[in-house]
N, C-alpha and C. Protein backbone atom coordinates (compact mmCIF):
# COMPACT_ATOMS: atom_id res chain seq x y z
N MET A 1 -0.23 -27.58 -53.28
CA MET A 1 0.36 -26.76 -52.28
C MET A 1 -0.77 -25.75 -51.62
N THR A 2 -1.55 -25.32 -52.49
CA THR A 2 -2.56 -24.27 -52.01
C THR A 2 -3.54 -24.83 -51.00
N ASN A 3 -4.07 -25.99 -51.32
CA ASN A 3 -4.80 -26.73 -50.26
C ASN A 3 -4.08 -27.04 -48.84
N ALA A 4 -2.86 -27.53 -49.03
CA ALA A 4 -2.15 -27.69 -47.76
C ALA A 4 -1.81 -26.33 -46.98
N THR A 5 -1.65 -25.33 -47.66
CA THR A 5 -1.50 -24.09 -47.04
C THR A 5 -2.78 -23.68 -46.43
N ASP A 6 -3.87 -23.72 -47.11
CA ASP A 6 -5.13 -23.34 -46.63
C ASP A 6 -5.47 -24.13 -45.26
N LYS A 7 -5.19 -25.48 -45.31
CA LYS A 7 -5.53 -26.18 -44.11
C LYS A 7 -4.76 -25.76 -42.94
N LYS A 8 -3.56 -25.48 -43.20
CA LYS A 8 -2.48 -25.00 -42.15
C LYS A 8 -3.07 -23.65 -41.47
N ILE A 9 -3.50 -22.77 -42.32
CA ILE A 9 -4.07 -21.54 -42.00
C ILE A 9 -5.46 -21.70 -41.15
N VAL A 10 -6.15 -22.74 -41.52
CA VAL A 10 -7.42 -22.88 -40.88
C VAL A 10 -7.15 -23.44 -39.44
N ILE A 11 -6.40 -24.48 -39.32
CA ILE A 11 -5.78 -25.00 -38.12
C ILE A 11 -5.27 -23.94 -37.16
N GLN A 12 -4.38 -23.20 -37.69
CA GLN A 12 -3.93 -22.13 -36.83
C GLN A 12 -5.00 -21.10 -36.21
N ILE A 13 -5.94 -20.73 -37.13
CA ILE A 13 -7.16 -19.87 -36.71
C ILE A 13 -7.86 -20.70 -35.62
N SER A 14 -8.02 -21.86 -35.87
CA SER A 14 -8.94 -22.63 -34.92
C SER A 14 -8.13 -22.87 -33.41
N LEU A 15 -6.86 -23.05 -33.52
CA LEU A 15 -6.14 -22.99 -32.26
C LEU A 15 -6.12 -21.80 -31.62
N LEU A 16 -6.01 -20.61 -32.33
CA LEU A 16 -6.06 -19.29 -31.79
C LEU A 16 -7.56 -18.98 -31.02
N ALA A 17 -8.46 -19.44 -31.77
CA ALA A 17 -9.94 -19.37 -31.29
C ALA A 17 -10.04 -20.16 -30.04
N LEU A 18 -9.36 -21.37 -29.92
CA LEU A 18 -9.61 -22.11 -28.74
C LEU A 18 -8.78 -21.49 -27.52
N LEU A 19 -7.68 -20.94 -27.79
CA LEU A 19 -6.81 -20.33 -26.73
C LEU A 19 -7.63 -19.20 -26.30
N ALA A 20 -8.23 -18.43 -27.13
CA ALA A 20 -9.01 -17.16 -26.76
C ALA A 20 -10.14 -17.45 -25.95
N SER A 21 -10.96 -18.59 -26.43
CA SER A 21 -12.07 -19.08 -25.61
C SER A 21 -11.69 -19.55 -24.18
N SER A 22 -10.58 -20.23 -24.13
CA SER A 22 -10.07 -20.79 -22.96
C SER A 22 -9.65 -19.53 -21.81
N ALA A 23 -8.93 -18.49 -22.46
CA ALA A 23 -8.74 -17.55 -21.60
C ALA A 23 -9.88 -16.76 -21.15
N VAL A 24 -10.90 -16.59 -21.87
CA VAL A 24 -12.16 -15.95 -21.40
C VAL A 24 -12.72 -16.74 -20.30
N TYR A 25 -12.84 -18.07 -20.58
CA TYR A 25 -13.29 -19.04 -19.57
C TYR A 25 -12.68 -19.03 -18.28
N LEU A 26 -11.35 -19.05 -18.44
CA LEU A 26 -10.50 -19.18 -17.05
C LEU A 26 -10.53 -17.65 -16.38
N GLY A 27 -10.66 -16.58 -17.16
CA GLY A 27 -10.76 -15.24 -16.67
C GLY A 27 -12.17 -15.21 -15.79
N TRP A 28 -13.10 -15.80 -16.38
CA TRP A 28 -14.51 -15.74 -15.68
C TRP A 28 -14.38 -16.64 -14.53
N LYS A 29 -13.88 -17.75 -14.49
CA LYS A 29 -13.52 -18.70 -13.20
C LYS A 29 -12.78 -17.97 -12.28
N TRP A 30 -11.80 -17.12 -12.86
CA TRP A 30 -10.85 -16.39 -11.89
C TRP A 30 -11.72 -15.48 -11.04
N GLU A 31 -12.61 -14.65 -11.79
CA GLU A 31 -13.41 -13.76 -11.25
C GLU A 31 -14.48 -14.38 -10.17
N GLN A 32 -14.86 -15.52 -10.57
CA GLN A 32 -15.91 -16.14 -10.04
C GLN A 32 -15.42 -16.56 -8.59
N ASP A 33 -14.13 -16.98 -8.49
CA ASP A 33 -13.40 -17.47 -7.27
C ASP A 33 -12.83 -16.35 -6.35
N ARG A 34 -13.09 -15.06 -6.77
CA ARG A 34 -12.49 -14.02 -5.90
C ARG A 34 -13.33 -14.02 -4.57
N GLN A 35 -12.55 -14.11 -3.45
CA GLN A 35 -13.11 -14.19 -2.00
C GLN A 35 -12.53 -13.17 -1.37
N SER A 36 -13.37 -12.45 -0.42
CA SER A 36 -12.93 -11.38 0.42
C SER A 36 -13.58 -11.31 1.65
N ILE A 37 -13.07 -10.74 2.73
CA ILE A 37 -13.61 -10.60 4.01
C ILE A 37 -13.07 -9.09 4.39
N SER A 38 -13.93 -8.31 4.71
CA SER A 38 -13.61 -6.81 5.12
C SER A 38 -13.91 -6.63 6.64
N VAL A 39 -12.96 -5.93 7.17
CA VAL A 39 -13.24 -5.55 8.69
C VAL A 39 -12.99 -4.01 8.95
N GLU A 40 -13.91 -3.53 9.65
CA GLU A 40 -13.89 -1.96 9.89
C GLU A 40 -12.69 -1.94 10.87
N ILE A 41 -11.71 -0.80 10.65
CA ILE A 41 -10.64 -0.53 11.70
C ILE A 41 -10.65 0.89 11.70
N PRO A 42 -10.01 1.52 12.95
CA PRO A 42 -10.03 2.94 13.18
C PRO A 42 -9.14 3.61 12.09
N PHE A 43 -9.60 4.63 11.67
CA PHE A 43 -8.77 5.48 10.78
C PHE A 43 -8.24 6.54 11.67
N LYS A 44 -6.98 6.27 11.85
CA LYS A 44 -6.32 7.45 12.77
C LYS A 44 -5.58 8.31 11.85
N THR A 45 -6.21 9.65 11.79
CA THR A 45 -5.59 10.60 11.11
C THR A 45 -5.86 12.02 11.74
N SER A 46 -4.88 12.83 11.63
CA SER A 46 -5.15 14.21 12.11
C SER A 46 -5.66 15.29 11.13
N VAL A 47 -5.76 14.71 9.93
CA VAL A 47 -6.35 15.67 8.91
C VAL A 47 -7.83 15.55 8.91
N SER A 48 -8.36 16.67 9.42
CA SER A 48 -9.87 16.81 9.62
C SER A 48 -10.62 16.47 8.47
N ALA A 49 -10.22 16.76 7.28
CA ALA A 49 -10.97 16.52 6.15
C ALA A 49 -11.19 15.14 5.69
N LEU A 50 -10.34 14.16 6.35
CA LEU A 50 -10.22 12.81 5.99
C LEU A 50 -11.00 12.04 7.20
N GLN A 51 -11.40 12.70 8.28
CA GLN A 51 -11.95 12.03 9.29
C GLN A 51 -13.39 11.59 9.04
N GLN A 52 -14.06 12.15 7.93
CA GLN A 52 -15.31 11.57 7.54
C GLN A 52 -15.38 10.34 6.81
N TYR A 53 -14.09 9.93 6.53
CA TYR A 53 -14.08 8.54 5.78
C TYR A 53 -13.88 7.50 6.66
N ARG A 54 -14.26 6.29 6.26
CA ARG A 54 -13.89 4.98 7.06
C ARG A 54 -12.72 4.24 6.46
N LEU A 55 -12.22 3.44 7.31
CA LEU A 55 -11.00 2.59 6.71
C LEU A 55 -11.37 1.06 6.99
N GLN A 56 -11.12 0.28 6.26
CA GLN A 56 -11.40 -1.01 6.09
C GLN A 56 -10.25 -1.68 5.69
N ARG A 57 -10.06 -3.02 6.44
CA ARG A 57 -8.85 -3.99 5.92
C ARG A 57 -9.67 -5.18 5.18
N LEU A 58 -9.24 -5.28 4.12
CA LEU A 58 -9.92 -6.29 3.20
C LEU A 58 -8.97 -7.40 2.98
N TRP A 59 -9.43 -8.55 3.38
CA TRP A 59 -8.66 -9.79 3.20
C TRP A 59 -9.14 -10.44 1.86
N LEU A 60 -8.21 -10.56 0.81
CA LEU A 60 -8.60 -10.94 -0.41
C LEU A 60 -7.79 -12.08 -0.88
N ARG A 61 -8.23 -13.03 -1.59
CA ARG A 61 -7.76 -14.11 -2.34
C ARG A 61 -8.42 -14.35 -3.69
N GLN A 62 -7.62 -14.62 -4.65
CA GLN A 62 -8.19 -14.68 -6.00
C GLN A 62 -7.47 -15.82 -6.81
N VAL A 63 -8.19 -16.87 -7.15
CA VAL A 63 -7.57 -17.96 -7.71
C VAL A 63 -8.45 -18.78 -8.44
N PRO A 64 -8.10 -19.24 -9.72
CA PRO A 64 -9.19 -20.16 -10.48
C PRO A 64 -9.53 -21.58 -9.49
N ASN A 65 -10.71 -21.86 -9.60
CA ASN A 65 -11.14 -23.02 -8.81
C ASN A 65 -10.52 -24.42 -9.16
N TRP A 66 -9.91 -24.31 -10.39
CA TRP A 66 -9.24 -25.64 -10.64
C TRP A 66 -7.88 -25.90 -10.10
N VAL A 67 -7.45 -24.85 -9.27
CA VAL A 67 -6.07 -24.92 -8.49
C VAL A 67 -6.32 -25.64 -7.26
N PRO A 68 -5.50 -26.71 -7.05
CA PRO A 68 -5.99 -27.53 -5.88
C PRO A 68 -5.54 -26.92 -4.68
N VAL A 69 -4.49 -26.09 -4.48
CA VAL A 69 -4.11 -25.48 -3.25
C VAL A 69 -4.45 -24.06 -3.11
N ARG A 70 -5.43 -23.64 -2.20
CA ARG A 70 -5.78 -22.36 -2.00
C ARG A 70 -4.74 -21.58 -1.33
N PRO A 71 -4.41 -20.33 -1.93
CA PRO A 71 -3.48 -19.41 -1.22
C PRO A 71 -4.19 -18.73 0.00
N ALA A 72 -3.32 -18.27 0.83
CA ALA A 72 -3.80 -17.62 1.93
C ALA A 72 -4.43 -16.22 1.64
N TYR A 73 -5.30 -15.62 2.38
CA TYR A 73 -5.79 -14.41 2.18
C TYR A 73 -4.83 -13.37 2.24
N ARG A 74 -4.71 -12.27 1.41
CA ARG A 74 -3.79 -11.10 1.65
C ARG A 74 -4.45 -9.90 1.95
N PRO A 75 -4.02 -9.11 2.78
CA PRO A 75 -4.56 -8.03 3.38
C PRO A 75 -4.25 -6.80 2.45
N ARG A 76 -5.44 -5.81 2.45
CA ARG A 76 -5.40 -4.65 1.73
C ARG A 76 -6.17 -3.35 2.45
N LEU A 77 -5.70 -2.29 2.51
CA LEU A 77 -6.46 -1.34 2.88
C LEU A 77 -7.41 -0.59 1.95
N ILE A 78 -8.78 -0.27 2.46
CA ILE A 78 -9.59 0.42 1.56
C ILE A 78 -10.19 1.62 2.43
N VAL A 79 -10.15 2.72 1.87
CA VAL A 79 -10.74 3.98 2.48
C VAL A 79 -12.11 4.05 1.72
N VAL A 80 -13.26 4.32 2.57
CA VAL A 80 -14.52 4.36 2.05
C VAL A 80 -15.19 5.59 2.45
N GLY A 81 -15.76 6.27 1.30
CA GLY A 81 -16.45 7.61 1.50
C GLY A 81 -17.89 7.42 1.83
N GLN A 82 -18.44 8.58 2.33
CA GLN A 82 -19.90 8.56 2.81
C GLN A 82 -20.86 8.05 1.71
N ASP A 83 -20.42 8.21 0.43
CA ASP A 83 -21.10 7.99 -0.68
C ASP A 83 -20.86 6.49 -1.14
N GLY A 84 -20.00 5.82 -0.38
CA GLY A 84 -19.67 4.61 -0.73
C GLY A 84 -18.43 4.40 -1.82
N GLU A 85 -17.90 5.53 -2.31
CA GLU A 85 -16.85 5.39 -3.07
C GLU A 85 -15.51 4.84 -2.49
N THR A 86 -14.88 3.95 -2.92
CA THR A 86 -13.79 3.22 -2.38
C THR A 86 -12.34 3.83 -2.98
N PHE A 87 -11.36 3.74 -2.24
CA PHE A 87 -10.02 4.03 -2.44
C PHE A 87 -9.04 3.13 -2.07
N LYS A 88 -8.25 2.42 -2.88
CA LYS A 88 -7.30 1.39 -2.59
C LYS A 88 -6.00 2.11 -2.18
N MET A 89 -5.67 1.79 -1.02
CA MET A 89 -4.49 2.39 -0.29
C MET A 89 -3.13 1.38 -0.39
N PRO A 90 -2.06 1.92 -0.51
CA PRO A 90 -1.83 3.41 -0.83
C PRO A 90 -1.79 4.04 -2.09
N ASP A 91 -2.25 3.15 -2.95
CA ASP A 91 -2.18 3.57 -4.70
C ASP A 91 -2.86 4.74 -4.93
N GLU A 92 -4.23 4.80 -4.27
CA GLU A 92 -5.10 5.86 -4.61
C GLU A 92 -5.14 7.01 -3.62
N PHE A 93 -4.11 7.20 -2.81
CA PHE A 93 -4.01 8.31 -1.77
C PHE A 93 -4.38 9.53 -2.46
N ASN A 94 -3.64 9.80 -3.52
CA ASN A 94 -3.73 11.35 -4.20
C ASN A 94 -5.38 11.43 -4.66
N LEU A 95 -5.92 10.47 -5.31
CA LEU A 95 -7.24 10.50 -5.69
C LEU A 95 -8.11 10.86 -4.36
N LEU A 96 -7.75 10.22 -3.20
CA LEU A 96 -8.61 10.46 -2.08
C LEU A 96 -8.51 11.96 -1.55
N VAL A 97 -7.23 12.47 -1.58
CA VAL A 97 -7.11 13.86 -1.17
C VAL A 97 -7.65 14.75 -2.04
N ARG A 98 -7.72 14.55 -3.36
CA ARG A 98 -8.48 15.31 -4.26
C ARG A 98 -9.84 15.38 -4.02
N ARG A 99 -10.37 14.30 -3.86
CA ARG A 99 -11.95 14.11 -3.35
C ARG A 99 -12.21 14.95 -2.19
N ALA A 100 -11.30 14.89 -1.33
CA ALA A 100 -11.53 15.43 -0.03
C ALA A 100 -11.35 17.03 -0.07
N ARG A 101 -10.69 17.48 -1.21
CA ARG A 101 -10.44 18.92 -1.43
C ARG A 101 -9.55 19.55 -0.34
N LEU A 102 -8.51 18.84 -0.16
CA LEU A 102 -7.46 19.34 0.93
C LEU A 102 -6.88 20.61 0.67
N SER A 103 -6.51 21.30 1.54
CA SER A 103 -5.66 22.49 1.30
C SER A 103 -4.68 22.55 2.47
N VAL A 104 -3.38 22.62 1.95
CA VAL A 104 -2.21 22.56 2.91
C VAL A 104 -1.61 23.97 2.94
N SER A 105 -1.63 24.58 4.35
CA SER A 105 -1.21 25.95 4.40
C SER A 105 -0.23 26.09 5.62
N SER A 106 0.31 24.94 6.11
CA SER A 106 1.31 25.10 7.16
C SER A 106 2.21 23.70 7.25
N GLN A 107 3.21 23.85 7.87
CA GLN A 107 4.06 22.60 8.06
C GLN A 107 3.46 21.54 8.76
N ALA A 108 2.65 21.99 9.79
CA ALA A 108 1.76 21.03 10.52
C ALA A 108 0.88 20.18 9.58
N ASP A 109 0.09 21.05 8.63
CA ASP A 109 -0.70 20.26 7.70
C ASP A 109 0.19 19.33 6.84
N ALA A 110 1.09 19.69 6.34
CA ALA A 110 2.08 18.85 5.54
C ALA A 110 2.48 17.46 6.38
N LEU A 111 2.86 17.63 7.62
CA LEU A 111 3.26 16.53 8.34
C LEU A 111 2.14 15.63 8.70
N ASP A 112 0.83 16.20 9.01
CA ASP A 112 -0.37 15.38 9.12
C ASP A 112 -0.54 14.48 8.00
N ILE A 113 -0.47 15.02 6.76
CA ILE A 113 -0.79 14.31 5.56
C ILE A 113 0.26 13.30 5.32
N ALA A 114 1.49 13.53 5.50
CA ALA A 114 2.62 12.52 5.41
C ALA A 114 2.43 11.49 6.29
N ALA A 115 2.18 11.79 7.46
CA ALA A 115 1.87 10.79 8.42
C ALA A 115 0.84 9.83 8.11
N THR A 116 -0.32 10.45 7.73
CA THR A 116 -1.50 9.59 7.34
C THR A 116 -1.12 8.78 6.16
N TYR A 117 -0.46 9.23 5.26
CA TYR A 117 -0.07 8.32 3.89
C TYR A 117 0.82 7.14 4.56
N VAL A 118 1.94 7.33 5.22
CA VAL A 118 2.79 6.24 5.60
C VAL A 118 2.11 5.20 6.34
N THR A 119 1.17 5.66 7.25
CA THR A 119 0.19 4.72 7.96
C THR A 119 -0.49 3.83 7.06
N LEU A 120 -0.97 4.30 6.05
CA LEU A 120 -1.79 3.73 5.00
C LEU A 120 -1.02 2.59 4.18
N THR A 121 0.32 2.75 4.32
CA THR A 121 1.20 1.69 3.74
C THR A 121 1.33 0.38 4.36
N ALA A 122 0.74 0.38 5.49
CA ALA A 122 0.91 -0.85 6.31
C ALA A 122 -0.58 -1.59 6.32
N PRO A 123 -0.90 -2.42 5.51
CA PRO A 123 -2.22 -3.06 5.55
C PRO A 123 -2.47 -4.12 6.68
N PHE A 124 -1.28 -4.52 7.34
CA PHE A 124 -1.32 -5.38 8.49
C PHE A 124 -0.16 -5.03 9.42
N GLY A 125 -0.45 -5.15 10.75
CA GLY A 125 0.59 -4.78 11.65
C GLY A 125 0.79 -3.30 11.93
N LYS A 126 1.60 -2.88 13.04
CA LYS A 126 1.70 -1.61 13.39
C LYS A 126 2.63 -0.93 12.42
N LEU A 127 2.38 0.35 12.36
CA LEU A 127 3.45 1.23 11.62
C LEU A 127 3.56 2.55 12.50
N VAL A 128 4.70 2.82 12.88
CA VAL A 128 5.08 3.95 13.79
C VAL A 128 6.05 4.98 13.23
N VAL A 129 5.50 6.23 13.28
CA VAL A 129 6.67 7.05 12.92
C VAL A 129 7.32 7.48 14.10
N VAL A 130 8.80 7.37 14.04
CA VAL A 130 9.69 7.24 15.05
C VAL A 130 10.64 8.48 15.02
N SER A 131 10.93 8.94 16.31
CA SER A 131 11.97 10.21 16.27
C SER A 131 13.24 9.73 16.79
N GLY A 132 13.30 8.40 17.24
CA GLY A 132 14.72 7.75 17.62
C GLY A 132 14.47 6.36 17.89
N LEU A 133 15.62 5.47 17.79
CA LEU A 133 15.48 4.21 18.03
C LEU A 133 14.76 3.77 19.20
N GLU A 134 14.81 4.50 20.17
CA GLU A 134 14.17 4.12 21.50
C GLU A 134 12.79 4.06 21.51
N MET A 135 12.06 4.51 20.50
CA MET A 135 10.70 4.45 20.26
C MET A 135 10.12 3.12 19.59
N ILE A 136 11.13 2.32 19.22
CA ILE A 136 10.71 1.04 18.55
C ILE A 136 10.45 0.02 19.66
N PRO A 137 9.38 -0.64 19.67
CA PRO A 137 9.06 -1.64 20.69
C PRO A 137 9.91 -2.86 20.60
N GLY A 138 10.37 -3.28 21.74
CA GLY A 138 11.17 -4.51 21.75
C GLY A 138 12.57 -4.46 21.16
N LEU A 139 13.19 -3.21 21.14
CA LEU A 139 14.43 -3.02 20.50
C LEU A 139 15.46 -3.60 21.23
N SER A 140 15.32 -3.66 22.55
CA SER A 140 16.24 -4.34 23.37
C SER A 140 16.44 -5.78 23.21
N ARG A 141 15.38 -6.44 22.80
CA ARG A 141 15.54 -7.83 22.38
C ARG A 141 16.02 -8.04 21.04
N ASN A 142 15.67 -7.29 20.03
CA ASN A 142 16.08 -7.38 18.69
C ASN A 142 16.72 -6.19 18.27
N PRO A 143 17.85 -5.80 18.59
CA PRO A 143 18.43 -4.57 18.11
C PRO A 143 19.19 -4.78 16.71
N PRO A 144 19.51 -3.82 15.91
CA PRO A 144 19.95 -3.92 14.75
C PRO A 144 21.20 -4.69 14.74
N LEU A 145 21.49 -5.79 13.87
CA LEU A 145 22.75 -6.51 13.96
C LEU A 145 24.06 -5.76 13.46
N THR A 146 23.94 -4.57 12.64
CA THR A 146 25.13 -3.92 12.48
C THR A 146 24.63 -2.36 12.76
N PRO A 147 25.76 -1.56 12.97
CA PRO A 147 25.41 -0.28 13.30
C PRO A 147 24.59 0.46 12.07
N LEU A 148 23.71 1.29 12.34
CA LEU A 148 23.10 2.06 11.19
C LEU A 148 23.89 2.94 10.58
N GLN A 149 23.86 3.00 9.29
CA GLN A 149 24.44 4.22 8.48
C GLN A 149 23.70 5.47 8.55
N THR A 150 22.44 5.56 8.94
CA THR A 150 21.62 6.79 9.05
C THR A 150 21.19 6.95 10.39
N ALA A 151 21.37 8.32 11.00
CA ALA A 151 20.77 8.62 12.25
C ALA A 151 19.37 8.93 12.14
N VAL A 152 18.49 8.18 12.86
CA VAL A 152 17.15 8.56 13.14
C VAL A 152 16.79 9.53 13.95
N SER A 153 15.97 10.43 13.37
CA SER A 153 15.67 11.78 14.13
C SER A 153 14.19 12.03 13.95
N ALA A 154 13.60 13.16 14.54
CA ALA A 154 12.23 13.50 14.43
C ALA A 154 11.96 13.94 13.12
N PRO A 155 10.73 13.99 12.79
CA PRO A 155 10.43 14.51 11.47
C PRO A 155 10.69 15.85 11.11
N VAL A 156 11.18 16.30 9.89
CA VAL A 156 11.52 17.54 9.65
C VAL A 156 10.66 18.05 8.28
N VAL A 157 10.11 19.20 8.45
CA VAL A 157 9.23 19.81 7.23
C VAL A 157 9.93 21.06 6.99
N VAL A 158 10.18 21.25 5.59
CA VAL A 158 10.72 22.50 5.10
C VAL A 158 9.67 22.90 4.10
N GLN A 159 9.41 24.31 4.18
CA GLN A 159 8.56 24.98 3.15
C GLN A 159 9.39 25.19 1.95
N GLN A 160 8.75 24.93 0.78
CA GLN A 160 9.54 25.26 -0.29
C GLN A 160 8.43 25.96 -1.41
N ILE A 161 8.88 26.22 -2.67
CA ILE A 161 7.82 26.83 -3.55
C ILE A 161 6.76 25.88 -3.91
N GLN A 162 5.66 26.16 -3.56
CA GLN A 162 4.34 25.48 -3.85
C GLN A 162 4.37 24.02 -3.13
N HIS A 163 5.15 23.71 -2.30
CA HIS A 163 5.12 22.47 -1.79
C HIS A 163 5.87 22.38 -0.40
N TYR A 164 5.78 21.42 0.31
CA TYR A 164 6.41 21.17 1.57
C TYR A 164 7.27 20.02 1.38
N ALA A 165 8.63 19.88 1.87
CA ALA A 165 9.35 18.63 1.91
C ALA A 165 9.32 18.04 3.25
N VAL A 166 8.94 16.86 3.42
CA VAL A 166 8.81 16.14 4.62
C VAL A 166 9.79 14.89 4.72
N GLN A 167 10.51 14.96 5.76
CA GLN A 167 11.41 13.91 5.91
C GLN A 167 11.15 13.16 7.35
N LEU A 168 10.78 11.88 7.18
CA LEU A 168 10.56 11.19 8.58
C LEU A 168 11.00 9.68 8.51
N PHE A 169 10.92 9.01 9.71
CA PHE A 169 11.38 7.57 9.84
C PHE A 169 10.23 6.85 10.42
N THR A 170 10.03 5.71 9.79
CA THR A 170 9.03 4.89 10.24
C THR A 170 9.51 3.46 10.65
N TRP A 171 8.73 2.83 11.51
CA TRP A 171 9.19 1.34 11.86
C TRP A 171 7.85 0.54 11.60
N ARG A 172 7.96 -0.48 10.84
CA ARG A 172 6.77 -1.45 10.81
C ARG A 172 6.92 -2.74 11.42
N GLU A 173 5.91 -3.22 12.22
CA GLU A 173 6.12 -4.52 12.79
C GLU A 173 6.16 -5.56 11.94
N LEU A 174 5.51 -5.63 10.73
CA LEU A 174 5.67 -6.83 9.94
C LEU A 174 6.91 -6.68 9.16
N GLY A 175 7.90 -7.60 9.66
CA GLY A 175 9.25 -7.56 9.12
C GLY A 175 10.17 -6.81 9.88
N GLY A 176 9.67 -6.07 10.96
CA GLY A 176 10.65 -5.14 11.83
C GLY A 176 11.44 -4.27 11.06
N ILE A 177 10.77 -3.50 9.95
CA ILE A 177 11.42 -2.68 8.95
C ILE A 177 11.60 -1.30 9.32
N LEU A 178 12.79 -0.76 9.40
CA LEU A 178 13.00 0.65 9.70
C LEU A 178 13.24 1.37 8.33
N GLU A 179 12.60 2.51 8.02
CA GLU A 179 12.48 3.20 6.84
C GLU A 179 12.78 4.58 7.05
N GLU A 180 13.48 5.29 5.85
CA GLU A 180 13.45 6.58 5.85
C GLU A 180 12.52 7.27 4.67
N TRP A 181 11.81 8.11 4.87
CA TRP A 181 10.90 8.60 3.80
C TRP A 181 11.28 10.05 3.45
N THR A 182 10.94 10.44 2.32
CA THR A 182 11.22 11.71 1.91
C THR A 182 9.81 12.07 1.08
N ILE A 183 9.03 12.94 1.42
CA ILE A 183 7.56 13.07 0.88
C ILE A 183 7.54 14.44 0.55
N LYS A 184 7.06 14.81 -0.67
CA LYS A 184 6.93 16.03 -1.17
C LYS A 184 5.13 16.18 -1.11
N VAL A 185 4.79 17.24 -0.36
CA VAL A 185 3.28 17.49 -0.08
C VAL A 185 3.03 18.90 -0.79
N SER A 186 2.17 18.54 -1.85
CA SER A 186 1.74 19.94 -2.55
C SER A 186 0.78 20.79 -1.81
N GLU A 187 0.46 21.71 -2.28
CA GLU A 187 -0.51 22.73 -1.70
C GLU A 187 -2.10 22.06 -1.49
N ASN A 188 -2.25 21.25 -2.60
CA ASN A 188 -3.64 20.58 -2.59
C ASN A 188 -3.49 19.20 -2.07
N GLY A 189 -2.45 18.85 -1.21
CA GLY A 189 -2.53 17.61 -0.47
C GLY A 189 -1.96 16.59 -1.22
N THR A 190 -1.75 16.58 -2.51
CA THR A 190 -1.22 15.42 -3.09
C THR A 190 0.16 15.31 -2.96
N ILE A 191 0.76 13.93 -3.07
CA ILE A 191 2.26 13.86 -2.46
C ILE A 191 2.94 13.10 -3.57
N GLU A 192 4.23 13.09 -3.45
CA GLU A 192 5.30 12.23 -4.17
C GLU A 192 6.05 11.82 -3.11
N THR A 193 6.60 10.44 -3.13
CA THR A 193 7.20 9.78 -2.06
C THR A 193 8.53 9.18 -2.53
N LYS A 194 9.44 9.08 -1.74
CA LYS A 194 10.63 8.20 -1.94
C LYS A 194 10.96 7.61 -0.60
N LYS A 195 11.38 6.38 -0.55
CA LYS A 195 11.68 5.63 0.78
C LYS A 195 12.89 4.72 0.54
N SER A 196 13.58 4.53 1.55
CA SER A 196 14.67 3.81 1.61
C SER A 196 14.68 2.79 3.06
N GLU A 197 15.11 1.52 2.71
CA GLU A 197 15.02 0.72 3.87
C GLU A 197 16.43 0.68 4.58
N ILE A 198 16.24 0.96 5.92
CA ILE A 198 17.49 1.15 6.81
C ILE A 198 18.02 -0.09 7.28
N ALA A 199 17.11 -0.59 7.84
CA ALA A 199 17.30 -2.14 8.72
C ALA A 199 16.05 -2.89 8.71
N THR A 200 16.36 -4.13 8.90
CA THR A 200 15.08 -5.17 9.05
C THR A 200 15.36 -5.91 10.37
N LYS A 201 14.06 -6.71 10.60
CA LYS A 201 14.19 -7.65 11.72
C LYS A 201 14.70 -6.98 13.07
N ILE A 202 14.14 -5.74 13.26
CA ILE A 202 14.48 -5.14 14.52
C ILE A 202 13.16 -5.02 15.46
N GLY A 203 13.25 -5.11 16.61
CA GLY A 203 12.05 -4.83 17.54
C GLY A 203 11.10 -5.88 17.57
N GLU A 204 10.01 -5.66 18.24
CA GLU A 204 8.90 -6.76 18.23
C GLU A 204 8.29 -6.93 16.86
N THR A 205 8.88 -7.99 16.29
CA THR A 205 8.50 -8.27 14.90
C THR A 205 7.59 -9.36 14.59
N ILE A 206 6.71 -9.30 13.59
CA ILE A 206 5.97 -10.26 13.17
C ILE A 206 6.16 -10.64 11.70
N GLY A 207 5.82 -11.78 11.31
CA GLY A 207 6.01 -12.16 9.96
C GLY A 207 7.43 -12.77 9.70
N LEU A 208 8.08 -13.17 10.70
CA LEU A 208 9.45 -13.74 10.42
C LEU A 208 9.27 -15.30 10.51
N PRO A 209 10.33 -16.04 9.78
CA PRO A 209 10.18 -17.51 9.91
C PRO A 209 10.75 -17.86 11.18
């Protein structure tokens, strides 16, 4: 019985070692087949401390080379500093503003930071901060299918203790999505965000079947 048990243990260890080596190999092949194309695009921001940075759209695909069908490239926005440091948007926005040593001292500053952030959430297609539905391109051709439950209005900024509360609405060309944002902007420029989707497939939309 002891010999049989020992053999079983040896077989199990061998299988685990094989799986581990396969995972390392496949992981290496995955990294080997990462392909990307970067394109410099205008960084439209009213925040002066961020105007020294560059914005790139990175088209990325990553797949092991044994997969027969190659997926399409997927877009991602990257902010690049003068020293070459990169920040993935929008996930590393707070890291970016800390590096830039921002200071928020007015409602206008808070709105500029909030507007910059929401723009960086759209790696492809237009994103517009809207004050009313009439600002959405092509709305007459693709209006909302049902009446909106939320009234779209101009951005509102309220100063609170050690931060500013920003409420604004955006429309993004990809999917024709209308969204409501609530953004908490701290005095050092870092943010906390919450958004809700109000409508889809409205206006001049791309990315629809």
